[in-house]
Amino acid sequence: MKNLNTYVLKIAIVAVLSIFSLTGCKKDEIKIEPVTKTTGVSEIEFSKLLQFISITTTAPKDQIIYNERDKEFVVYGWYHKSLADVQSEYNSANEYKATYEK
């Protein structure tokens, strides 16, 4: 009888561990909306800044959002860069302009 109880216990433990390993955790997905034009800069300048961020961070444009309230770009939902910083870096990025803006 003792062997039968340990056998059933072992089967129960294996079954419970199998269920836990198969269910796993589901990671919350962050929905990223495409960038929209801001009112602070012209549409052409905004497009250039978006292209600049996309190339320098190697992030696709659909992974970059612009938070108009905070005046900052957010890449992949966690990397924040202010509009002023991006404009400053873009203005001094001569090699970038020579390579990508012919």
PDB file of N, CA and C in Angstrom:
ATOM      1  N   MET A   1       0.812  -1.184   0.000  1.00  0.00           N
ATOM      2  CA  MET A   1       0.000   0.000   0.000  1.00  0.00           C
ATOM      3  C   MET A   1       0.859   1.253   0.000  1.00  0.00           C
ATOM      4  N   LYS A   2       1.997   1.181   0.729  1.00  0.00           N
ATOM      5  CA  LYS A   2       2.892   2.330   0.802  1.00  0.00           C
ATOM      6  C   LYS A   2       3.479   2.653  -0.572  1.00  0.00           C
ATOM      7  N   ASN A   3       3.830   1.608  -1.338  1.00  0.00           N
ATOM      8  CA  ASN A   3       4.364   1.811  -2.680  1.00  0.00           C
ATOM      9  C   ASN A   3       3.339   2.471  -3.589  1.00  0.00           C
ATOM     10  N   LEU A   4       2.095   2.087  -3.434  1.00  0.00           N
ATOM     11  CA  LEU A   4       1.025   2.666  -4.238  1.00  0.00           C
ATOM     12  C   LEU A   4       0.845   4.145  -3.914  1.00  0.00           C
ATOM     13  N   ASN A   5       0.916   4.527  -2.658  1.00  0.00           N
ATOM     14  CA  ASN A   5       0.776   5.936  -2.255  1.00  0.00           C
ATOM     15  C   ASN A   5       1.927   6.784  -2.778  1.00  0.00           C
ATOM     16  N   THR A   6       3.170   6.280  -2.704  1.00  0.00           N
ATOM     17  CA  THR A   6       4.314   7.044  -3.235  1.00  0.00           C
ATOM     18  C   THR A   6       4.239   7.138  -4.745  1.00  0.00           C
ATOM     19  N   TYR A   7       3.757   6.078  -5.402  1.00  0.00           N
ATOM     20  CA  TYR A   7       3.611   6.102  -6.851  1.00  0.00           C
ATOM     21  C   TYR A   7       2.582   7.153  -7.274  1.00  0.00           C
ATOM     22  N   VAL A   8       1.464   7.204  -6.593  1.00  0.00           N
ATOM     23  CA  VAL A   8       0.414   8.194  -6.887  1.00  0.00           C
ATOM     24  C   VAL A   8       0.928   9.603  -6.589  1.00  0.00           C
ATOM     25  N   LEU A   9       1.673   9.751  -5.510  1.00  0.00           N
ATOM     26  CA  LEU A   9       2.238  11.051  -5.162  1.00  0.00           C
ATOM     27  C   LEU A   9       3.214  11.540  -6.237  1.00  0.00           C
ATOM     28  N   LYS A  10       4.049  10.631  -6.717  1.00  0.00           N
ATOM     29  CA  LYS A  10       5.001  10.992  -7.780  1.00  0.00           C
ATOM     30  C   LYS A  10       4.267  11.411  -9.051  1.00  0.00           C
ATOM     31  N   ILE A  11       3.232  10.696  -9.409  1.00  0.00           N
ATOM     32  CA  ILE A  11       2.448  11.038 -10.603  1.00  0.00           C
ATOM     33  C   ILE A  11       1.779  12.399 -10.419  1.00  0.00           C
ATOM     34  N   ALA A  12       1.259  12.647  -9.231  1.00  0.00           N
ATOM     35  CA  ALA A  12       0.609  13.929  -8.965  1.00  0.00           C
ATOM     36  C   ALA A  12       1.602  15.078  -9.058  1.00  0.00           C
ATOM     37  N   ILE A  13       2.797  14.879  -8.521  1.00  0.00           N
ATOM     38  CA  ILE A  13       3.825  15.929  -8.583  1.00  0.00           C
ATOM     39  C   ILE A  13       4.228  16.193 -10.026  1.00  0.00           C
ATOM     40  N   VAL A  14       4.427  15.151 -10.809  1.00  0.00           N
ATOM     41  CA  VAL A  14       4.788  15.313 -12.221  1.00  0.00           C
ATOM     42  C   VAL A  14       3.671  16.034 -12.967  1.00  0.00           C
ATOM     43  N   ALA A  15       2.433  15.702 -12.677  1.00  0.00           N
ATOM     44  CA  ALA A  15       1.301  16.342 -13.355  1.00  0.00           C
ATOM     45  C   ALA A  15       1.231  17.831 -13.014  1.00  0.00           C
ATOM     46  N   VAL A  16       1.413  18.171 -11.742  1.00  0.00           N
ATOM     47  CA  VAL A  16       1.352  19.574 -11.326  1.00  0.00           C
ATOM     48  C   VAL A  16       2.497  20.364 -11.952  1.00  0.00           C
ATOM     49  N   LEU A  17       3.706  19.822 -11.942  1.00  0.00           N
ATOM     50  CA  LEU A  17       4.845  20.509 -12.547  1.00  0.00           C
ATOM     51  C   LEU A  17       4.658  20.681 -14.052  1.00  0.00           C
ATOM     52  N   SER A  18       4.083  19.687 -14.698  1.00  0.00           N
ATOM     53  CA  SER A  18       3.823  19.794 -16.139  1.00  0.00           C
ATOM     54  C   SER A  18       2.833  20.909 -16.444  1.00  0.00           C
ATOM     55  N   ILE A  19       1.799  21.009 -15.639  1.00  0.00           N
ATOM     56  CA  ILE A  19       0.797  22.062 -15.845  1.00  0.00           C
ATOM     57  C   ILE A  19       1.419  23.439 -15.662  1.00  0.00           C
ATOM     58  N   PHE A  20       2.234  23.604 -14.602  1.00  0.00           N
ATOM     59  CA  PHE A  20       2.874  24.901 -14.367  1.00  0.00           C
ATOM     60  C   PHE A  20       3.838  25.263 -15.490  1.00  0.00           C
ATOM     61  N   SER A  21       4.576  24.288 -16.012  1.00  0.00           N
ATOM     62  CA  SER A  21       5.551  24.597 -17.059  1.00  0.00           C
ATOM     63  C   SER A  21       4.877  24.928 -18.382  1.00  0.00           C
ATOM     64  N   LEU A  22       3.703  24.381 -18.614  1.00  0.00           N
ATOM     65  CA  LEU A  22       3.006  24.635 -19.872  1.00  0.00           C
ATOM     66  C   LEU A  22       2.238  25.951 -19.880  1.00  0.00           C
ATOM     67  N   THR A  23       1.793  26.411 -18.721  1.00  0.00           N
ATOM     68  CA  THR A  23       1.003  27.641 -18.696  1.00  0.00           C
ATOM     69  C   THR A  23       1.877  28.864 -18.844  1.00  0.00           C
ATOM     70  N   GLY A  24       2.970  28.988 -18.129  1.00  0.00           N
ATOM     71  CA  GLY A  24       3.893  30.113 -18.250  1.00  0.00           C
ATOM     72  C   GLY A  24       3.244  31.451 -17.945  1.00  0.00           C
ATOM     73  N   CYS A  25       4.022  32.490 -18.093  1.00  0.00           N
ATOM     74  CA  CYS A  25       3.548  33.850 -17.848  1.00  0.00           C
ATOM     75  C   CYS A  25       3.367  34.558 -19.183  1.00  0.00           C
ATOM     76  N   LYS A  26       2.401  35.421 -19.243  1.00  0.00           N
ATOM     77  CA  LYS A  26       2.182  36.209 -20.448  1.00  0.00           C
ATOM     78  C   LYS A  26       2.655  37.628 -20.167  1.00  0.00           C
ATOM     79  N   LYS A  27       3.581  38.107 -20.992  1.00  0.00           N
ATOM     80  CA  LYS A  27       4.130  39.445 -20.821  1.00  0.00           C
ATOM     81  C   LYS A  27       3.142  40.468 -21.384  1.00  0.00           C
ATOM     82  N   ASP A  28       2.958  41.563 -20.659  1.00  0.00           N
ATOM     83  CA  ASP A  28       2.089  42.623 -21.145  1.00  0.00           C
ATOM     84  C   ASP A  28       2.717  43.273 -22.366  1.00  0.00           C
ATOM     85  N   GLU A  29       1.920  43.438 -23.392  1.00  0.00           N
ATOM     86  CA  GLU A  29       2.411  44.057 -24.614  1.00  0.00           C
ATOM     87  C   GLU A  29       2.166  45.561 -24.556  1.00  0.00           C
ATOM     88  N   ILE A  30       3.172  46.314 -24.970  1.00  0.00           N
ATOM     89  CA  ILE A  30       3.043  47.768 -25.028  1.00  0.00           C
ATOM     90  C   ILE A  30       2.683  48.128 -26.456  1.00  0.00           C
ATOM     91  N   LYS A  31       1.556  48.771 -26.610  1.00  0.00           N
ATOM     92  CA  LYS A  31       1.136  49.173 -27.944  1.00  0.00           C
ATOM     93  C   LYS A  31       1.771  50.515 -28.265  1.00  0.00           C
ATOM     94  N   ILE A  32       2.461  50.556 -29.379  1.00  0.00           N
ATOM     95  CA  ILE A  32       3.148  51.771 -29.797  1.00  0.00           C
ATOM     96  C   ILE A  32       2.419  52.326 -31.013  1.00  0.00           C
ATOM     97  N   GLU A  33       1.961  53.551 -30.879  1.00  0.00           N
ATOM     98  CA  GLU A  33       1.262  54.213 -31.968  1.00  0.00           C
ATOM     99  C   GLU A  33       2.279  54.922 -32.859  1.00  0.00           C
ATOM    100  N   PRO A  34       2.023  55.007 -34.152  1.00  0.00           N
ATOM    101  CA  PRO A  34       2.935  55.721 -35.041  1.00  0.00           C
ATOM    102  C   PRO A  34       3.042  57.202 -34.678  1.00  0.00           C
ATOM    103  N   VAL A  35       4.126  57.806 -35.086  1.00  0.00           N
ATOM    104  CA  VAL A  35       4.388  59.209 -34.783  1.00  0.00           C
ATOM    105  C   VAL A  35       3.447  60.095 -35.576  1.00  0.00           C
ATOM    106  N   THR A  36       2.958  61.129 -34.934  1.00  0.00           N
ATOM    107  CA  THR A  36       2.150  62.127 -35.627  1.00  0.00           C
ATOM    108  C   THR A  36       2.894  63.454 -35.603  1.00  0.00           C
ATOM    109  N   LYS A  37       2.544  64.326 -36.511  1.00  0.00           N
ATOM    110  CA  LYS A  37       3.226  65.605 -36.626  1.00  0.00           C
ATOM    111  C   LYS A  37       2.964  66.468 -35.400  1.00  0.00           C
ATOM    112  N   THR A  38       3.983  67.175 -34.988  1.00  0.00           N
ATOM    113  CA  THR A  38       3.863  68.086 -33.858  1.00  0.00           C
ATOM    114  C   THR A  38       3.576  69.493 -34.364  1.00  0.00           C
ATOM    115  N   THR A  39       3.053  70.322 -33.509  1.00  0.00           N
ATOM    116  CA  THR A  39       2.743  71.694 -33.910  1.00  0.00           C
ATOM    117  C   THR A  39       3.936  72.616 -33.719  1.00  0.00           C
ATOM    118  N   GLY A  40       4.968  72.185 -32.972  1.00  0.00           N
ATOM    119  CA  GLY A  40       6.107  73.047 -32.661  1.00  0.00           C
ATOM    120  C   GLY A  40       7.116  73.189 -33.785  1.00  0.00           C
ATOM    121  N   VAL A  41       7.180  72.248 -34.701  1.00  0.00           N
ATOM    122  CA  VAL A  41       8.147  72.302 -35.792  1.00  0.00           C
ATOM    123  C   VAL A  41       7.424  72.055 -37.107  1.00  0.00           C
ATOM    124  N   SER A  42       8.051  72.447 -38.199  1.00  0.00           N
ATOM    125  CA  SER A  42       7.422  72.254 -39.497  1.00  0.00           C
ATOM    126  C   SER A  42       7.365  70.766 -39.824  1.00  0.00           C
ATOM    127  N   GLU A  43       6.499  70.421 -40.742  1.00  0.00           N
ATOM    128  CA  GLU A  43       6.330  69.019 -41.122  1.00  0.00           C
ATOM    129  C   GLU A  43       7.600  68.450 -41.728  1.00  0.00           C
ATOM    130  N   ILE A  44       8.299  69.250 -42.508  1.00  0.00           N
ATOM    131  CA  ILE A  44       9.548  68.799 -43.132  1.00  0.00           C
ATOM    132  C   ILE A  44      10.624  68.571 -42.074  1.00  0.00           C
ATOM    133  N   GLU A  45      10.761  69.517 -41.141  1.00  0.00           N
ATOM    134  CA  GLU A  45      11.753  69.358 -40.077  1.00  0.00           C
ATOM    135  C   GLU A  45      11.414  68.154 -39.211  1.00  0.00           C
ATOM    136  N   PHE A  46      10.139  67.961 -38.915  1.00  0.00           N
ATOM    137  CA  PHE A  46       9.721  66.825 -38.102  1.00  0.00           C
ATOM    138  C   PHE A  46      10.062  65.512 -38.792  1.00  0.00           C
ATOM    139  N   SER A  47       9.834  65.430 -40.089  1.00  0.00           N
ATOM    140  CA  SER A  47      10.168  64.214 -40.845  1.00  0.00           C
ATOM    141  C   SER A  47      11.664  63.946 -40.807  1.00  0.00           C
ATOM    142  N   LYS A  48      12.462  65.016 -40.931  1.00  0.00           N
ATOM    143  CA  LYS A  48      13.918  64.849 -40.861  1.00  0.00           C
ATOM    144  C   LYS A  48      14.361  64.380 -39.485  1.00  0.00           C
ATOM    145  N   LEU A  49      13.747  64.932 -38.433  1.00  0.00           N
ATOM    146  CA  LEU A  49      14.098  64.510 -37.073  1.00  0.00           C
ATOM    147  C   LEU A  49      13.694  63.061 -36.825  1.00  0.00           C
ATOM    148  N   LEU A  50      12.540  62.673 -37.318  1.00  0.00           N
ATOM    149  CA  LEU A  50      12.094  61.294 -37.167  1.00  0.00           C
ATOM    150  C   LEU A  50      13.051  60.340 -37.891  1.00  0.00           C
ATOM    151  N   GLN A  51      13.450  60.696 -39.099  1.00  0.00           N
ATOM    152  CA  GLN A  51      14.406  59.879 -39.861  1.00  0.00           C
ATOM    153  C   GLN A  51      15.747  59.816 -39.125  1.00  0.00           C
ATOM    154  N   PHE A  52      16.180  60.936 -38.571  1.00  0.00           N
ATOM    155  CA  PHE A  52      17.441  61.010 -37.827  1.00  0.00           C
ATOM    156  C   PHE A  52      17.413  60.063 -36.616  1.00  0.00           C
ATOM    157  N   ILE A  53      16.333  60.111 -35.848  1.00  0.00           N
ATOM    158  CA  ILE A  53      16.217  59.230 -34.681  1.00  0.00           C
ATOM    159  C   ILE A  53      16.168  57.769 -35.116  1.00  0.00           C
ATOM    160  N   SER A  54      15.432  57.498 -36.169  1.00  0.00           N
ATOM    161  CA  SER A  54      15.312  56.126 -36.652  1.00  0.00           C
ATOM    162  C   SER A  54      16.674  55.557 -37.045  1.00  0.00           C
ATOM    163  N   ILE A  55      17.462  56.337 -37.741  1.00  0.00           N
ATOM    164  CA  ILE A  55      18.771  55.854 -38.195  1.00  0.00           C
ATOM    165  C   ILE A  55      19.769  55.775 -37.051  1.00  0.00           C
ATOM    166  N   THR A  56      19.808  56.787 -36.196  1.00  0.00           N
ATOM    167  CA  THR A  56      20.807  56.792 -35.131  1.00  0.00           C
ATOM    168  C   THR A  56      20.515  55.797 -34.015  1.00  0.00           C
ATOM    169  N   THR A  57      19.252  55.414 -33.837  1.00  0.00           N
ATOM    170  CA  THR A  57      18.925  54.427 -32.805  1.00  0.00           C
ATOM    171  C   THR A  57      18.658  53.044 -33.400  1.00  0.00           C
ATOM    172  N   THR A  58      18.689  52.941 -34.713  1.00  0.00           N
ATOM    173  CA  THR A  58      18.366  51.710 -35.457  1.00  0.00           C
ATOM    174  C   THR A  58      16.973  51.184 -35.133  1.00  0.00           C
ATOM    175  N   ALA A  59      16.078  52.089 -34.805  1.00  0.00           N
ATOM    176  CA  ALA A  59      14.692  51.714 -34.503  1.00  0.00           C
ATOM    177  C   ALA A  59      13.824  52.018 -35.719  1.00  0.00           C
ATOM    178  N   PRO A  60      12.921  51.119 -36.079  1.00  0.00           N
ATOM    179  CA  PRO A  60      11.993  51.439 -37.172  1.00  0.00           C
ATOM    180  C   PRO A  60      11.088  52.605 -36.765  1.00  0.00           C
ATOM    181  N   LYS A  61      10.654  53.349 -37.746  1.00  0.00           N
ATOM    182  CA  LYS A  61       9.847  54.537 -37.465  1.00  0.00           C
ATOM    183  C   LYS A  61       8.554  54.211 -36.718  1.00  0.00           C
ATOM    184  N   ASP A  62       8.017  53.029 -36.939  1.00  0.00           N
ATOM    185  CA  ASP A  62       6.776  52.688 -36.241  1.00  0.00           C
ATOM    186  C   ASP A  62       6.999  52.358 -34.768  1.00  0.00           C
ATOM    187  N   GLN A  63       8.246  52.333 -34.319  1.00  0.00           N
ATOM    188  CA  GLN A  63       8.560  52.102 -32.909  1.00  0.00           C
ATOM    189  C   GLN A  63       8.931  53.400 -32.185  1.00  0.00           C
ATOM    190  N   ILE A  64       8.744  54.530 -32.867  1.00  0.00           N
ATOM    191  CA  ILE A  64       9.067  55.834 -32.300  1.00  0.00           C
ATOM    192  C   ILE A  64       7.774  56.632 -32.176  1.00  0.00           C
ATOM    193  N   ILE A  65       7.512  57.133 -30.982  1.00  0.00           N
ATOM    194  CA  ILE A  65       6.336  57.981 -30.797  1.00  0.00           C
ATOM    195  C   ILE A  65       6.800  59.364 -30.346  1.00  0.00           C
ATOM    196  N   TYR A  66       5.959  60.331 -30.589  1.00  0.00           N
ATOM    197  CA  TYR A  66       6.259  61.685 -30.131  1.00  0.00           C
ATOM    198  C   TYR A  66       5.210  62.079 -29.109  1.00  0.00           C
ATOM    199  N   ASN A  67       5.664  62.411 -27.915  1.00  0.00           N
ATOM    200  CA  ASN A  67       4.780  62.865 -26.848  1.00  0.00           C
ATOM    201  C   ASN A  67       4.740  64.389 -26.910  1.00  0.00           C
ATOM    202  N   GLU A  68       3.664  64.897 -27.446  1.00  0.00           N
ATOM    203  CA  GLU A  68       3.563  66.339 -27.668  1.00  0.00           C
ATOM    204  C   GLU A  68       3.479  67.119 -26.358  1.00  0.00           C
ATOM    205  N   ARG A  69       2.848  66.546 -25.360  1.00  0.00           N
ATOM    206  CA  ARG A  69       2.721  67.221 -24.070  1.00  0.00           C
ATOM    207  C   ARG A  69       4.099  67.440 -23.437  1.00  0.00           C
ATOM    208  N   ASP A  70       4.950  66.405 -23.453  1.00  0.00           N
ATOM    209  CA  ASP A  70       6.286  66.508 -22.857  1.00  0.00           C
ATOM    210  C   ASP A  70       7.350  66.961 -23.859  1.00  0.00           C
ATOM    211  N   LYS A  71       6.969  67.100 -25.118  1.00  0.00           N
ATOM    212  CA  LYS A  71       7.878  67.483 -26.202  1.00  0.00           C
ATOM    213  C   LYS A  71       9.113  66.575 -26.211  1.00  0.00           C
ATOM    214  N   GLU A  72       8.829  65.258 -26.356  1.00  0.00           N
ATOM    215  CA  GLU A  72       9.918  64.294 -26.395  1.00  0.00           C
ATOM    216  C   GLU A  72       9.555  63.116 -27.287  1.00  0.00           C
ATOM    217  N   PHE A  73      10.581  62.500 -27.832  1.00  0.00           N
ATOM    218  CA  PHE A  73      10.431  61.280 -28.604  1.00  0.00           C
ATOM    219  C   PHE A  73      10.642  60.102 -27.658  1.00  0.00           C
ATOM    220  N   VAL A  74       9.888  59.036 -27.875  1.00  0.00           N
ATOM    221  CA  VAL A  74      10.038  57.824 -27.074  1.00  0.00           C
ATOM    222  C   VAL A  74      10.266  56.668 -28.047  1.00  0.00           C
ATOM    223  N   VAL A  75      11.426  56.012 -27.893  1.00  0.00           N
ATOM    224  CA  VAL A  75      11.801  54.922 -28.782  1.00  0.00           C
ATOM    225  C   VAL A  75      11.602  53.606 -28.044  1.00  0.00           C
ATOM    226  N   TYR A  76      10.912  52.675 -28.682  1.00  0.00           N
ATOM    227  CA  TYR A  76      10.608  51.357 -28.118  1.00  0.00           C
ATOM    228  C   TYR A  76       9.873  51.433 -26.783  1.00  0.00           C
ATOM    229  N   GLY A  77       9.244  52.538 -26.486  1.00  0.00           N
ATOM    230  CA  GLY A  77       8.455  52.654 -25.275  1.00  0.00           C
ATOM    231  C   GLY A  77       9.231  52.940 -24.008  1.00  0.00           C
ATOM    232  N   TRP A  78      10.572  53.051 -24.075  1.00  0.00           N
ATOM    233  CA  TRP A  78      11.327  53.293 -22.837  1.00  0.00           C
ATOM    234  C   TRP A  78      12.450  54.310 -22.990  1.00  0.00           C
ATOM    235  N   TYR A  79      12.967  54.555 -24.185  1.00  0.00           N
ATOM    236  CA  TYR A  79      14.069  55.501 -24.377  1.00  0.00           C
ATOM    237  C   TYR A  79      13.482  56.872 -24.704  1.00  0.00           C
ATOM    238  N   HIS A  80      13.674  57.837 -23.812  1.00  0.00           N
ATOM    239  CA  HIS A  80      13.108  59.178 -23.966  1.00  0.00           C
ATOM    240  C   HIS A  80      14.199  60.149 -24.392  1.00  0.00           C
ATOM    241  N   LYS A  81      13.869  60.984 -25.385  1.00  0.00           N
ATOM    242  CA  LYS A  81      14.801  61.998 -25.877  1.00  0.00           C
ATOM    243  C   LYS A  81      13.995  63.257 -26.156  1.00  0.00           C
ATOM    244  N   SER A  82      14.384  64.361 -25.532  1.00  0.00           N
ATOM    245  CA  SER A  82      13.605  65.591 -25.698  1.00  0.00           C
ATOM    246  C   SER A  82      13.761  66.146 -27.108  1.00  0.00           C
ATOM    247  N   LEU A  83      12.756  66.899 -27.527  1.00  0.00           N
ATOM    248  CA  LEU A  83      12.769  67.508 -28.854  1.00  0.00           C
ATOM    249  C   LEU A  83      13.969  68.441 -28.993  1.00  0.00           C
ATOM    250  N   ALA A  84      14.270  69.221 -27.955  1.00  0.00           N
ATOM    251  CA  ALA A  84      15.407  70.147 -28.000  1.00  0.00           C
ATOM    252  C   ALA A  84      16.726  69.395 -28.171  1.00  0.00           C
ATOM    253  N   ASP A  85      16.885  68.275 -27.465  1.00  0.00           N
ATOM    254  CA  ASP A  85      18.110  67.485 -27.603  1.00  0.00           C
ATOM    255  C   ASP A  85      18.250  66.907 -29.013  1.00  0.00           C
ATOM    256  N   VAL A  86      17.146  66.395 -29.554  1.00  0.00           N
ATOM    257  CA  VAL A  86      17.185  65.819 -30.900  1.00  0.00           C
ATOM    258  C   VAL A  86      17.517  66.903 -31.919  1.00  0.00           C
ATOM    259  N   GLN A  87      16.908  68.089 -31.780  1.00  0.00           N
ATOM    260  CA  GLN A  87      17.209  69.185 -32.705  1.00  0.00           C
ATOM    261  C   GLN A  87      18.668  69.597 -32.598  1.00  0.00           C
ATOM    262  N   SER A  88      19.182  69.676 -31.395  1.00  0.00           N
ATOM    263  CA  SER A  88      20.584  70.059 -31.188  1.00  0.00           C
ATOM    264  C   SER A  88      21.533  69.034 -31.806  1.00  0.00           C
ATOM    265  N   GLU A  89      21.266  67.753 -31.554  1.00  0.00           N
ATOM    266  CA  GLU A  89      22.113  66.700 -32.120  1.00  0.00           C
ATOM    267  C   GLU A  89      22.021  66.681 -33.638  1.00  0.00           C
ATOM    268  N   TYR A  90      20.814  66.878 -34.166  1.00  0.00           N
ATOM    269  CA  TYR A  90      20.634  66.890 -35.621  1.00  0.00           C
ATOM    270  C   TYR A  90      21.397  68.052 -36.252  1.00  0.00           C
ATOM    271  N   ASN A  91      21.324  69.213 -35.625  1.00  0.00           N
ATOM    272  CA  ASN A  91      22.009  70.386 -36.180  1.00  0.00           C
ATOM    273  C   ASN A  91      23.529  70.222 -36.216  1.00  0.00           C
ATOM    274  N   SER A  92      24.078  69.439 -35.307  1.00  0.00           N
ATOM    275  CA  SER A  92      25.533  69.252 -35.289  1.00  0.00           C
ATOM    276  C   SER A  92      25.963  67.932 -35.926  1.00  0.00           C
ATOM    277  N   ALA A  93      25.059  67.210 -36.546  1.00  0.00           N
ATOM    278  CA  ALA A  93      25.363  65.902 -37.133  1.00  0.00           C
ATOM    279  C   ALA A  93      25.747  66.052 -38.604  1.00  0.00           C
ATOM    280  N   ASN A  94      26.923  66.619 -38.855  1.00  0.00           N
ATOM    281  CA  ASN A  94      27.359  66.865 -40.229  1.00  0.00           C
ATOM    282  C   ASN A  94      27.593  65.575 -41.011  1.00  0.00           C
ATOM    283  N   GLU A  95      28.182  64.582 -40.367  1.00  0.00           N
ATOM    284  CA  GLU A  95      28.439  63.319 -41.054  1.00  0.00           C
ATOM    285  C   GLU A  95      27.131  62.617 -41.417  1.00  0.00           C
ATOM    286  N   TYR A  96      26.163  62.688 -40.520  1.00  0.00           N
ATOM    287  CA  TYR A  96      24.852  62.107 -40.806  1.00  0.00           C
ATOM    288  C   TYR A  96      24.231  62.789 -42.025  1.00  0.00           C
ATOM    289  N   LYS A  97      24.269  64.120 -42.044  1.00  0.00           N
ATOM    290  CA  LYS A  97      23.665  64.858 -43.158  1.00  0.00           C
ATOM    291  C   LYS A  97      24.376  64.553 -44.474  1.00  0.00           C
ATOM    292  N   ALA A  98      25.695  64.433 -44.418  1.00  0.00           N
ATOM    293  CA  ALA A  98      26.452  64.129 -45.634  1.00  0.00           C
ATOM    294  C   ALA A  98      26.144  62.725 -46.138  1.00  0.00           C
ATOM    295  N   THR A  99      25.888  61.811 -45.242  1.00  0.00           N
ATOM    296  CA  THR A  99      25.624  60.426 -45.627  1.00  0.00           C
ATOM    297  C   THR A  99      24.186  60.197 -46.063  1.00  0.00           C
ATOM    298  N   TYR A 100      23.230  60.738 -45.324  1.00  0.00           N
ATOM    299  CA  TYR A 100      21.833  60.402 -45.543  1.00  0.00           C
ATOM    300  C   TYR A 100      20.997  61.488 -46.218  1.00  0.00           C
ATOM    301  N   GLU A 101      21.498  62.703 -46.302  1.00  0.00           N
ATOM    302  CA  GLU A 101      20.730  63.785 -46.930  1.00  0.00           C
ATOM    303  C   GLU A 101      21.508  64.374 -48.094  1.00  0.00           C
ATOM    304  N   LYS A 102      21.511  63.667 -49.157  1.00  0.00           N
ATOM    305  CA  LYS A 102      22.266  64.124 -50.339  1.00  0.00           C
ATOM    306  C   LYS A 102      21.420  64.956 -51.246  1.00  0.00           C
TER     307      LYS A 102
END
